[in-house]
Protein backbone atom coordinates (compact mmCIF):
# COMPACT_ATOMS: atom_id res chain seq x y z
CA UNK A 1 -2.85 19.47 -7.62
CA UNK A 2 -4.84 16.85 -5.74
CA UNK A 3 -7.20 14.50 -8.02
CA UNK A 4 -11.07 14.54 -6.19
CA UNK A 5 -14.54 11.82 -6.18
CA UNK A 6 -16.95 13.40 -6.70
CA UNK A 7 -20.21 11.45 -6.37
CA UNK A 8 -24.19 13.27 -7.16
CA UNK A 9 -26.86 11.61 -4.53
CA UNK A 10 -30.38 11.88 -5.83
CA UNK A 11 -32.68 13.26 -1.99
CA UNK A 12 -34.96 15.10 -2.88
CA UNK A 13 -32.71 17.24 -5.20
CA UNK A 14 -29.43 17.36 -5.83
CA UNK A 15 -26.56 16.79 -3.66
CA UNK A 16 -22.64 16.37 -3.98
CA UNK A 17 -19.64 14.56 -2.04
CA UNK A 18 -16.38 15.30 -2.72
CA UNK A 19 -13.66 12.43 -1.11
CA UNK A 20 -10.01 12.09 -2.11
CA UNK A 21 -9.53 10.40 -4.96
CA UNK A 22 -7.22 7.71 -2.72
CA UNK A 23 -9.38 6.93 -0.14
CA UNK A 24 -7.83 3.38 0.37
CA UNK A 25 -4.38 4.68 0.42
CA UNK A 26 -4.22 7.19 3.26
CA UNK A 27 -2.69 4.52 5.67
CA UNK A 28 0.75 4.89 3.50
CA UNK A 29 3.45 7.28 4.78
CA UNK A 30 4.04 10.34 2.54
CA UNK A 31 7.38 10.64 3.83
CA UNK A 32 9.40 9.31 6.05
CA UNK A 33 12.64 7.47 6.04
CA UNK A 34 13.74 4.99 4.39
CA UNK A 35 16.84 2.85 5.47
CA UNK A 36 18.65 0.88 2.65
CA UNK A 37 18.87 -2.86 3.18
CA UNK A 38 16.69 -2.17 6.61
CA UNK A 39 13.16 -0.01 6.12
CA UNK A 40 10.29 2.02 4.44
CA UNK A 41 7.95 4.19 6.31
CA UNK A 42 6.29 1.87 8.03
CA UNK A 43 7.76 -1.46 7.70
CA UNK A 44 11.18 -3.48 8.28
CA UNK A 45 12.82 -6.41 5.99
CA UNK A 46 10.92 -9.38 7.46
CA UNK A 47 8.06 -7.67 9.14
CA UNK A 48 4.66 -10.00 8.39
CA UNK A 49 1.93 -9.31 5.50
CA UNK A 50 -0.96 -8.76 8.24
CA UNK A 51 1.76 -6.31 9.75
CA UNK A 52 2.12 -4.39 6.16
CA UNK A 53 -1.54 -4.68 5.69
CA UNK A 54 -2.56 -3.07 8.96
CA UNK A 55 0.18 -0.57 8.61
CA UNK A 56 -1.03 0.03 4.86
CA UNK A 57 -3.88 -0.91 3.96
CA UNK A 58 -5.24 -2.67 1.03
CA UNK A 59 -2.98 -2.89 -1.93
CA UNK A 60 -4.15 -1.41 -5.63
CA UNK A 61 -3.42 -4.49 -6.75
CA UNK A 62 -1.54 -7.22 -6.07
CA UNK A 63 0.98 -10.01 -8.51
CA UNK A 64 1.92 -13.45 -9.38
CA UNK A 65 0.51 -16.54 -7.62
CA UNK A 66 0.62 -15.92 -3.60
CA UNK A 67 0.19 -12.26 -4.02
CA UNK A 68 4.26 -11.98 -4.32
CA UNK A 69 4.38 -8.20 -5.37
CA UNK A 70 2.21 -6.39 -3.85
CA UNK A 71 1.24 -2.13 -4.72
CA UNK A 72 0.04 0.69 -2.65
CA UNK A 73 -0.22 3.48 -5.64
CA UNK A 74 -0.51 7.56 -4.16
CA UNK A 75 -0.33 10.63 -6.52
CA UNK A 76 2.78 11.32 -5.78
CA UNK A 77 4.35 7.79 -5.75
CA UNK A 78 4.42 4.01 -5.18
CA UNK A 79 5.29 1.46 -2.48
CA UNK A 80 5.73 -1.74 -4.14
CA UNK A 81 7.19 -4.75 -2.03
CA UNK A 82 7.52 -8.42 -2.24
CA UNK A 83 7.12 -11.04 0.28
CA UNK A 84 8.84 -13.95 0.11
CA UNK A 85 6.86 -17.71 2.21
CA UNK A 86 7.36 -17.50 6.57
CA UNK A 87 10.15 -20.12 5.87
CA UNK A 88 11.39 -18.69 2.56
CA UNK A 89 10.00 -20.01 -0.98
CA UNK A 90 7.47 -18.71 -2.77
CA UNK A 91 4.90 -16.78 -0.68
CA UNK A 92 1.43 -18.09 0.58
CA UNK A 93 -0.45 -15.25 -0.06
CA UNK A 94 -2.14 -15.02 3.72
CA UNK A 95 -0.54 -13.26 6.84
CA UNK A 96 2.24 -15.91 7.85
CA UNK A 97 4.43 -14.32 5.09
CA UNK A 98 7.84 -11.77 5.13
CA UNK A 99 8.17 -8.90 3.16
CA UNK A 100 10.92 -9.40 1.04
CA UNK A 101 11.79 -6.67 -0.41
CA UNK A 102 10.52 -3.23 -0.71
CA UNK A 103 10.45 -0.10 -3.18
CA UNK A 104 9.74 4.06 -1.99
CA UNK A 105 9.06 5.51 -5.50
CA UNK A 106 8.31 8.81 -5.44
CA UNK A 107 8.08 10.04 -2.49
CA UNK A 108 9.97 12.30 -0.37
CA UNK A 109 12.25 9.85 2.22
């Protein structure tokens, strides 16, 4: 069952707009091929943060200094990606950071 967000707008009467509850997450694939040690759908290990954001959109949240771990949530699961700095070490929180690990949890794959 899909969750929906209902927003009301008053313009001379009551109008209701119904939109899916996960608007920022539309870019995260619902299914795909996971290749252990290499990639998850749309993102390979070593890809830049810039590439991940272009592919998956804005994450639901990021944790730690330098946004070391970011998570994209869907109603049926989540994708969590940890980043390392462009030359290894701690991430800087910029587009040059690289995918160090990726978890594809609860989604078909």
